[in-house]
Amino acid sequence: MSADILKLESVGAYISTGGEVRPMLANGNPDMSDCGNDVRESSEEWFDSLNPKDSDLVQWIMDDMNRWAQVEEVSK
């Protein structure tokens, strides 16, 4: 499995370093047939279900996404 997709055990999902969330299959692998969704579109309930470790990981990814968005805005 690619190092740029990380397991979120607490919510039964995977997240890419780019912020794309995919469901976890019954066998524990990410569902690559699912188109996934942007982590920023996830529900409050989903965020509340994250354990502290997964929450820190998701926050780090979202912070990184925000930094890249600021760089792109400055570059315009």
N, C-alpha and C. Protein backbone atom coordinates (compact mmCIF):
# COMPACT_ATOMS: atom_id res chain seq x y z
N MET A 1 0.83 -1.18 0.00
CA MET A 1 0.00 0.00 0.00
C MET A 1 0.88 1.25 0.00
N SER A 2 0.42 2.25 -0.65
CA SER A 2 1.17 3.49 -0.79
C SER A 2 1.33 4.18 0.56
N ALA A 3 2.45 4.82 0.74
CA ALA A 3 2.72 5.54 1.99
C ALA A 3 1.92 6.82 2.08
N ASP A 4 1.29 7.26 0.99
CA ASP A 4 0.55 8.52 1.05
C ASP A 4 -0.93 8.33 1.38
N ILE A 5 -1.33 7.13 1.80
CA ILE A 5 -2.68 6.88 2.27
C ILE A 5 -2.57 6.22 3.64
N LEU A 6 -3.26 6.80 4.62
CA LEU A 6 -3.11 6.41 6.01
C LEU A 6 -4.43 5.93 6.60
N LYS A 7 -4.34 4.91 7.44
CA LYS A 7 -5.54 4.29 8.03
C LYS A 7 -6.03 5.11 9.22
N LEU A 8 -7.34 5.33 9.24
CA LEU A 8 -8.01 5.96 10.37
C LEU A 8 -8.89 4.90 11.02
N GLU A 9 -8.30 4.14 11.94
CA GLU A 9 -8.99 3.01 12.57
C GLU A 9 -10.31 3.42 13.23
N SER A 10 -10.32 4.56 13.87
CA SER A 10 -11.47 4.96 14.68
C SER A 10 -12.74 5.19 13.86
N VAL A 11 -12.59 5.49 12.57
CA VAL A 11 -13.77 5.74 11.74
C VAL A 11 -13.87 4.76 10.57
N GLY A 12 -12.98 3.76 10.54
CA GLY A 12 -13.04 2.76 9.48
C GLY A 12 -12.84 3.36 8.10
N ALA A 13 -11.80 4.17 7.98
CA ALA A 13 -11.55 4.85 6.71
C ALA A 13 -10.05 5.03 6.51
N TYR A 14 -9.71 5.54 5.34
CA TYR A 14 -8.35 5.92 5.00
C TYR A 14 -8.37 7.36 4.54
N ILE A 15 -7.24 8.03 4.72
CA ILE A 15 -7.11 9.41 4.24
C ILE A 15 -5.78 9.54 3.52
N SER A 16 -5.81 10.21 2.39
CA SER A 16 -4.56 10.47 1.66
C SER A 16 -3.94 11.73 2.22
N THR A 17 -2.66 11.92 1.96
CA THR A 17 -1.99 13.13 2.42
C THR A 17 -2.54 14.37 1.73
N GLY A 18 -3.29 14.17 0.66
CA GLY A 18 -3.95 15.28 -0.03
C GLY A 18 -5.35 15.56 0.50
N GLY A 19 -5.82 14.78 1.50
CA GLY A 19 -7.10 15.04 2.14
C GLY A 19 -8.28 14.27 1.58
N GLU A 20 -8.03 13.27 0.75
CA GLU A 20 -9.13 12.47 0.20
C GLU A 20 -9.43 11.31 1.15
N VAL A 21 -10.68 11.19 1.57
CA VAL A 21 -11.10 10.15 2.50
C VAL A 21 -11.81 9.05 1.72
N ARG A 22 -11.42 7.81 2.02
CA ARG A 22 -12.03 6.62 1.39
C ARG A 22 -12.45 5.65 2.48
N PRO A 23 -13.56 4.94 2.26
CA PRO A 23 -13.98 3.95 3.25
C PRO A 23 -13.05 2.75 3.30
N MET A 24 -13.08 2.06 4.42
CA MET A 24 -12.30 0.84 4.60
C MET A 24 -13.19 -0.36 4.30
N LEU A 25 -12.68 -1.29 3.49
CA LEU A 25 -13.41 -2.52 3.19
C LEU A 25 -13.35 -3.48 4.39
N ALA A 26 -14.19 -4.50 4.38
CA ALA A 26 -14.23 -5.49 5.46
C ALA A 26 -12.88 -6.18 5.65
N ASN A 27 -12.08 -6.28 4.58
CA ASN A 27 -10.77 -6.92 4.69
C ASN A 27 -9.68 -5.96 5.19
N GLY A 28 -10.07 -4.73 5.51
CA GLY A 28 -9.12 -3.75 6.07
C GLY A 28 -8.41 -2.89 5.04
N ASN A 29 -8.66 -3.13 3.77
CA ASN A 29 -8.03 -2.34 2.71
C ASN A 29 -8.91 -1.15 2.35
N PRO A 30 -8.31 -0.10 1.76
CA PRO A 30 -9.13 1.04 1.33
C PRO A 30 -9.96 0.66 0.11
N ASP A 31 -11.14 1.23 0.01
CA ASP A 31 -12.01 1.00 -1.14
C ASP A 31 -11.58 1.95 -2.25
N MET A 32 -10.74 1.44 -3.14
CA MET A 32 -10.23 2.27 -4.22
C MET A 32 -11.24 2.43 -5.36
N SER A 33 -12.35 1.67 -5.32
CA SER A 33 -13.39 1.84 -6.33
C SER A 33 -14.31 3.00 -5.97
N ASP A 34 -14.27 3.43 -4.71
CA ASP A 34 -15.06 4.56 -4.26
C ASP A 34 -14.33 5.83 -4.65
N CYS A 35 -15.04 6.85 -5.10
CA CYS A 35 -14.38 8.07 -5.55
C CYS A 35 -13.83 8.89 -4.38
N GLY A 36 -14.22 8.56 -3.17
CA GLY A 36 -13.72 9.28 -2.00
C GLY A 36 -14.33 10.67 -1.91
N ASN A 37 -13.99 11.37 -0.83
CA ASN A 37 -14.45 12.75 -0.69
C ASN A 37 -13.39 13.57 0.02
N ASP A 38 -13.47 14.85 -0.14
CA ASP A 38 -12.55 15.77 0.49
C ASP A 38 -12.83 15.78 1.99
N VAL A 39 -11.79 15.69 2.80
CA VAL A 39 -11.95 15.64 4.25
C VAL A 39 -12.73 16.86 4.76
N ARG A 40 -12.61 17.98 4.09
CA ARG A 40 -13.31 19.20 4.52
C ARG A 40 -14.81 19.09 4.33
N GLU A 41 -15.26 18.07 3.58
CA GLU A 41 -16.70 17.85 3.38
C GLU A 41 -17.26 16.81 4.35
N SER A 42 -16.43 16.30 5.25
CA SER A 42 -16.87 15.30 6.22
C SER A 42 -17.77 15.95 7.27
N SER A 43 -18.66 15.14 7.83
CA SER A 43 -19.63 15.65 8.80
C SER A 43 -18.99 15.89 10.17
N GLU A 44 -19.64 16.70 10.95
CA GLU A 44 -19.18 16.95 12.32
C GLU A 44 -19.18 15.65 13.12
N GLU A 45 -20.17 14.81 12.88
CA GLU A 45 -20.24 13.52 13.55
C GLU A 45 -19.00 12.67 13.23
N TRP A 46 -18.56 12.69 11.98
CA TRP A 46 -17.37 11.94 11.57
C TRP A 46 -16.15 12.46 12.33
N PHE A 47 -15.99 13.78 12.38
CA PHE A 47 -14.86 14.36 13.12
C PHE A 47 -14.92 14.01 14.60
N ASP A 48 -16.12 14.04 15.17
CA ASP A 48 -16.29 13.71 16.59
C ASP A 48 -15.97 12.25 16.89
N SER A 49 -16.07 11.38 15.87
CA SER A 49 -15.81 9.95 16.05
C SER A 49 -14.32 9.60 15.99
N LEU A 50 -13.49 10.53 15.57
CA LEU A 50 -12.05 10.28 15.49
C LEU A 50 -11.46 10.14 16.88
N ASN A 51 -10.59 9.14 17.08
CA ASN A 51 -9.88 9.05 18.35
C ASN A 51 -8.78 10.13 18.34
N PRO A 52 -8.15 10.41 19.48
CA PRO A 52 -7.16 11.49 19.52
C PRO A 52 -6.01 11.35 18.50
N LYS A 53 -5.51 10.14 18.31
CA LYS A 53 -4.41 9.92 17.36
C LYS A 53 -4.86 10.24 15.94
N ASP A 54 -6.03 9.71 15.55
CA ASP A 54 -6.55 9.96 14.20
C ASP A 54 -6.91 11.43 14.02
N SER A 55 -7.45 12.04 15.07
CA SER A 55 -7.80 13.45 15.01
C SER A 55 -6.57 14.32 14.76
N ASP A 56 -5.47 14.00 15.44
CA ASP A 56 -4.22 14.75 15.23
C ASP A 56 -3.73 14.59 13.79
N LEU A 57 -3.83 13.38 13.25
CA LEU A 57 -3.40 13.12 11.88
C LEU A 57 -4.26 13.91 10.89
N VAL A 58 -5.57 13.86 11.07
CA VAL A 58 -6.48 14.59 10.18
C VAL A 58 -6.21 16.10 10.27
N GLN A 59 -5.99 16.59 11.48
CA GLN A 59 -5.72 18.02 11.65
C GLN A 59 -4.43 18.41 10.95
N TRP A 60 -3.40 17.57 11.05
CA TRP A 60 -2.13 17.84 10.38
C TRP A 60 -2.33 17.91 8.86
N ILE A 61 -3.10 16.98 8.31
CA ILE A 61 -3.37 16.98 6.87
C ILE A 61 -4.15 18.22 6.46
N MET A 62 -5.17 18.59 7.25
CA MET A 62 -5.96 19.78 6.92
C MET A 62 -5.11 21.05 7.03
N ASP A 63 -4.24 21.11 8.04
CA ASP A 63 -3.34 22.27 8.16
C ASP A 63 -2.43 22.37 6.94
N ASP A 64 -1.92 21.22 6.48
CA ASP A 64 -1.06 21.19 5.30
C ASP A 64 -1.84 21.65 4.07
N MET A 65 -3.08 21.20 3.94
CA MET A 65 -3.92 21.63 2.81
C MET A 65 -4.12 23.14 2.84
N ASN A 66 -4.34 23.69 4.03
CA ASN A 66 -4.53 25.14 4.16
C ASN A 66 -3.27 25.91 3.80
N ARG A 67 -2.10 25.36 4.20
CA ARG A 67 -0.84 26.03 3.83
C ARG A 67 -0.67 26.07 2.32
N TRP A 68 -0.97 24.95 1.65
CA TRP A 68 -0.85 24.92 0.19
C TRP A 68 -1.84 25.88 -0.47
N ALA A 69 -3.04 25.99 0.10
CA ALA A 69 -4.03 26.92 -0.46
C ALA A 69 -3.53 28.36 -0.33
N GLN A 70 -2.88 28.69 0.78
CA GLN A 70 -2.33 30.03 0.96
C GLN A 70 -1.21 30.30 -0.02
N VAL A 71 -0.36 29.32 -0.26
CA VAL A 71 0.74 29.47 -1.23
C VAL A 71 0.18 29.71 -2.61
N GLU A 72 -0.85 28.96 -2.98
CA GLU A 72 -1.47 29.13 -4.31
C GLU A 72 -2.11 30.50 -4.44
N GLU A 73 -2.72 31.00 -3.36
CA GLU A 73 -3.36 32.31 -3.39
C GLU A 73 -2.32 33.41 -3.58
N VAL A 74 -1.19 33.30 -2.91
CA VAL A 74 -0.12 34.27 -3.02
C VAL A 74 0.49 34.25 -4.40
N SER A 75 0.52 33.08 -5.02
CA SER A 75 1.14 32.91 -6.34
C SER A 75 0.29 33.51 -7.46
N LYS A 76 -0.95 33.81 -7.20
CA LYS A 76 -1.85 34.32 -8.26
C LYS A 76 -1.52 35.74 -8.63
